[in-house]
Amino acid sequence: MAAVAGAAIGALGAVGGGWLTVHGQSRQQRRQQQAEHRRWRDEVRRNAYNACLASAKELSAAWWKMSDRLWEEGSTPDQWQARFVEAHDAWTRFSTAVASVTVAGPRQVADAADALRTAMYELDMAGLQWYEAARHEGHGRLDLFNSRFNKAATDKRIPDRAFQAAAREALGTED
């Protein structure tokens, strides 16, 4: 009887020990999968945020080149058109990058990216209106449009900084 009881206790111990081992390994595997998912998510976010920032700078630079060309004495409508096409292409890349940020999240970064998109849209519209007025007038030295453009360029700085701060916070680099 003692031998049977001992064997039963041994078997229960082995089963219990095996269950604890399997359970522990399962928990460890879940933790590892969660850590890998966080690393993947952070990489996706970092890439989206970097693309958004780079394309915002590219769009801003394209419009500044356009404004310089418009303001330049003796510049031609063909030169304006070439700069406009560059700015339009930069807008497309920026808009795509913002969409990637809104998908990558989190919400506070997506909201900050949307605010940046709104500010960049204002810059884009100010540049477009200046370009159209220059084509109509035959020259780009138009103070009113230059002033609107400069205001839009200044106004985009706060959303740009807010996006960067939200991105740093989401990535945990805000130290």
Protein backbone atom coordinates (compact mmCIF):
# COMPACT_ATOMS: atom_id res chain seq x y z
CA MET A 1 0.00 0.00 0.00
CA ALA A 2 2.84 2.35 0.89
CA ALA A 3 4.49 1.65 -2.44
CA VAL A 4 1.29 2.41 -4.35
CA ALA A 5 0.75 5.62 -2.38
CA GLY A 6 4.36 6.63 -2.96
CA ALA A 7 4.04 5.95 -6.67
CA ALA A 8 0.79 7.93 -6.82
CA ILE A 9 2.35 10.85 -4.99
CA GLY A 10 5.37 10.68 -7.30
CA ALA A 11 3.13 10.63 -10.36
CA LEU A 12 1.12 13.59 -9.10
CA GLY A 13 4.32 15.46 -8.38
CA ALA A 14 5.62 14.76 -11.87
CA VAL A 15 2.35 15.86 -13.46
CA GLY A 16 2.23 18.98 -11.30
CA GLY A 17 5.86 19.77 -12.00
CA GLY A 18 5.33 19.24 -15.71
CA TRP A 19 2.29 21.51 -15.66
CA LEU A 20 4.25 24.24 -13.84
CA THR A 21 7.06 23.97 -16.38
CA VAL A 22 4.68 24.18 -19.34
CA HIS A 23 2.77 27.06 -17.75
CA GLY A 24 6.01 28.95 -17.00
CA GLN A 25 7.29 28.43 -20.53
CA SER A 26 3.98 29.58 -21.95
CA ARG A 27 4.07 32.79 -19.89
CA GLN A 28 7.67 33.42 -20.92
CA GLN A 29 6.77 32.89 -24.58
CA ARG A 30 3.84 35.33 -24.31
CA ARG A 31 6.11 37.94 -22.72
CA GLN A 32 8.67 37.45 -25.47
CA GLN A 33 5.99 37.78 -28.17
CA GLN A 34 4.69 40.95 -26.52
CA ALA A 35 8.21 42.40 -26.36
CA GLU A 36 8.79 41.56 -30.04
CA HIS A 37 5.47 43.13 -30.96
CA ARG A 38 6.38 46.34 -29.06
CA ARG A 39 9.77 46.48 -30.85
CA TRP A 40 8.07 45.96 -34.23
CA ARG A 41 5.40 48.59 -33.41
CA ASP A 42 8.03 51.10 -32.26
CA GLU A 43 10.03 50.53 -35.47
CA VAL A 44 6.92 51.08 -37.59
CA ARG A 45 6.12 54.23 -35.64
CA ARG A 46 9.69 55.54 -35.79
CA ASN A 47 9.75 55.03 -39.58
CA ALA A 48 6.36 56.74 -39.98
CA TYR A 49 7.33 59.66 -37.75
CA ASN A 50 10.67 60.14 -39.52
CA ALA A 51 8.98 60.06 -42.93
CA CYS A 52 6.44 62.62 -41.76
CA LEU A 53 9.09 64.97 -40.39
CA ALA A 54 11.32 64.61 -43.45
CA SER A 55 8.46 65.17 -45.89
CA ALA A 56 7.22 68.20 -43.89
CA LYS A 57 10.70 69.74 -44.17
CA GLU A 58 10.80 68.86 -47.87
CA LEU A 59 7.41 70.46 -48.47
CA SER A 60 8.38 73.58 -46.57
CA ALA A 61 11.65 73.82 -48.51
CA ALA A 62 9.82 73.39 -51.83
CA TRP A 63 7.50 76.27 -51.01
CA TRP A 64 10.38 78.48 -49.85
CA LYS A 65 12.13 77.83 -53.16
CA MET A 66 8.87 78.73 -54.89
CA SER A 67 8.56 81.97 -52.92
CA ASP A 68 12.18 82.86 -53.73
CA ARG A 69 11.50 82.23 -57.41
CA LEU A 70 8.28 84.28 -57.33
CA TRP A 71 10.03 87.17 -55.61
CA GLU A 72 13.04 87.05 -57.93
CA GLU A 73 13.12 89.92 -60.39
CA GLY A 74 12.85 88.63 -63.96
CA SER A 75 11.68 85.13 -63.08
CA THR A 76 9.36 83.55 -65.61
CA PRO A 77 6.06 81.69 -65.48
CA ASP A 78 7.86 78.56 -66.71
CA GLN A 79 10.23 78.77 -63.73
CA TRP A 80 7.27 79.24 -61.39
CA GLN A 81 5.55 76.23 -62.94
CA ALA A 82 8.60 74.03 -62.36
CA ARG A 83 8.76 75.07 -58.69
CA PHE A 84 5.02 74.59 -58.32
CA VAL A 85 5.26 71.02 -59.62
CA GLU A 86 8.01 70.31 -57.06
CA ALA A 87 5.85 71.71 -54.26
CA HIS A 88 2.84 69.72 -55.43
CA ASP A 89 4.88 66.51 -55.49
CA ALA A 90 6.22 67.30 -52.01
CA TRP A 91 2.63 67.77 -50.78
CA THR A 92 1.75 64.29 -52.06
CA ARG A 93 4.67 62.72 -50.18
CA PHE A 94 3.83 64.66 -47.02
CA SER A 95 0.16 63.72 -47.15
CA THR A 96 1.08 60.07 -47.57
CA ALA A 97 3.48 60.25 -44.63
CA VAL A 98 0.83 61.82 -42.39
CA ALA A 99 -1.57 59.02 -43.30
CA SER A 100 1.08 56.51 -42.22
CA VAL A 101 1.39 58.25 -38.86
CA THR A 102 -2.35 58.17 -38.31
CA VAL A 103 -2.28 54.41 -38.87
CA ALA A 104 0.83 53.82 -36.71
CA GLY A 105 -0.58 55.86 -33.82
CA PRO A 106 -0.99 56.33 -30.97
CA ARG A 107 -3.90 58.77 -31.00
CA GLN A 108 -2.00 61.76 -29.54
CA VAL A 109 0.64 61.47 -32.27
CA ALA A 110 -2.01 60.99 -34.95
CA ASP A 111 -3.80 64.12 -33.69
CA ALA A 112 -0.54 66.07 -33.69
CA ALA A 113 0.18 64.89 -37.24
CA ASP A 114 -3.28 66.00 -38.30
CA ALA A 115 -2.69 69.46 -36.78
CA LEU A 116 0.62 69.62 -38.66
CA ARG A 117 -1.18 68.61 -41.87
CA THR A 118 -3.66 71.46 -41.34
CA ALA A 119 -0.83 73.96 -40.84
CA MET A 120 1.05 72.66 -43.87
CA TYR A 121 -2.16 72.85 -45.89
CA GLU A 122 -2.40 76.55 -44.99
CA LEU A 123 1.18 77.02 -46.21
CA ASP A 124 0.37 75.07 -49.36
CA MET A 125 -2.73 77.19 -50.03
CA ALA A 126 -0.86 80.45 -49.39
CA GLY A 127 1.81 79.36 -51.86
CA LEU A 128 -0.76 78.21 -54.41
CA GLN A 129 -2.68 81.50 -54.20
CA TRP A 130 0.55 83.45 -54.61
CA TYR A 131 1.49 81.34 -57.64
CA GLU A 132 -1.93 81.85 -59.25
CA ALA A 133 -1.85 85.61 -58.56
CA ALA A 134 1.65 85.84 -60.06
CA ARG A 135 0.48 84.07 -63.20
CA HIS A 136 -2.42 86.52 -63.43
CA GLU A 137 -0.28 89.60 -62.76
CA GLY A 138 2.72 88.49 -64.81
CA HIS A 139 5.13 88.90 -61.88
CA GLY A 140 5.48 87.44 -58.41
CA ARG A 141 6.55 90.47 -56.38
CA LEU A 142 3.19 90.67 -54.63
CA ASP A 143 3.49 91.93 -51.06
CA LEU A 144 0.07 90.74 -49.87
CA PHE A 145 0.71 87.15 -51.00
CA ASN A 146 4.26 87.22 -49.66
CA SER A 147 2.91 88.33 -46.26
CA ARG A 148 0.27 85.57 -46.23
CA PHE A 149 2.87 83.01 -47.13
CA ASN A 150 5.27 84.20 -44.41
CA LYS A 151 2.47 84.09 -41.82
CA ALA A 152 1.53 80.53 -42.80
CA ALA A 153 5.21 79.55 -42.63
CA THR A 154 5.48 81.01 -39.14
CA ASP A 155 2.18 79.47 -38.01
CA LYS A 156 3.31 75.94 -38.90
CA ARG A 157 6.17 76.00 -36.38
CA ILE A 158 4.01 75.27 -33.33
CA PRO A 159 2.26 72.21 -34.82
CA ASP A 160 5.63 71.00 -36.10
CA ARG A 161 7.15 71.15 -32.61
CA ALA A 162 4.00 69.61 -31.08
CA PHE A 163 4.23 66.67 -33.48
CA GLN A 164 7.88 66.13 -32.62
CA ALA A 165 7.12 66.22 -28.89
CA ALA A 166 4.23 63.74 -29.27
CA ALA A 167 6.46 61.42 -31.32
CA ARG A 168 9.22 61.54 -28.70
CA GLU A 169 6.71 60.75 -25.97
CA ALA A 170 5.21 57.84 -27.89
CA LEU A 171 8.66 56.38 -28.54
CA GLY A 172 9.78 56.93 -24.97
CA THR A 173 12.68 59.17 -25.98
CA GLU A 174 11.42 62.20 -24.05
CA ASP A 175 14.11 62.24 -21.34
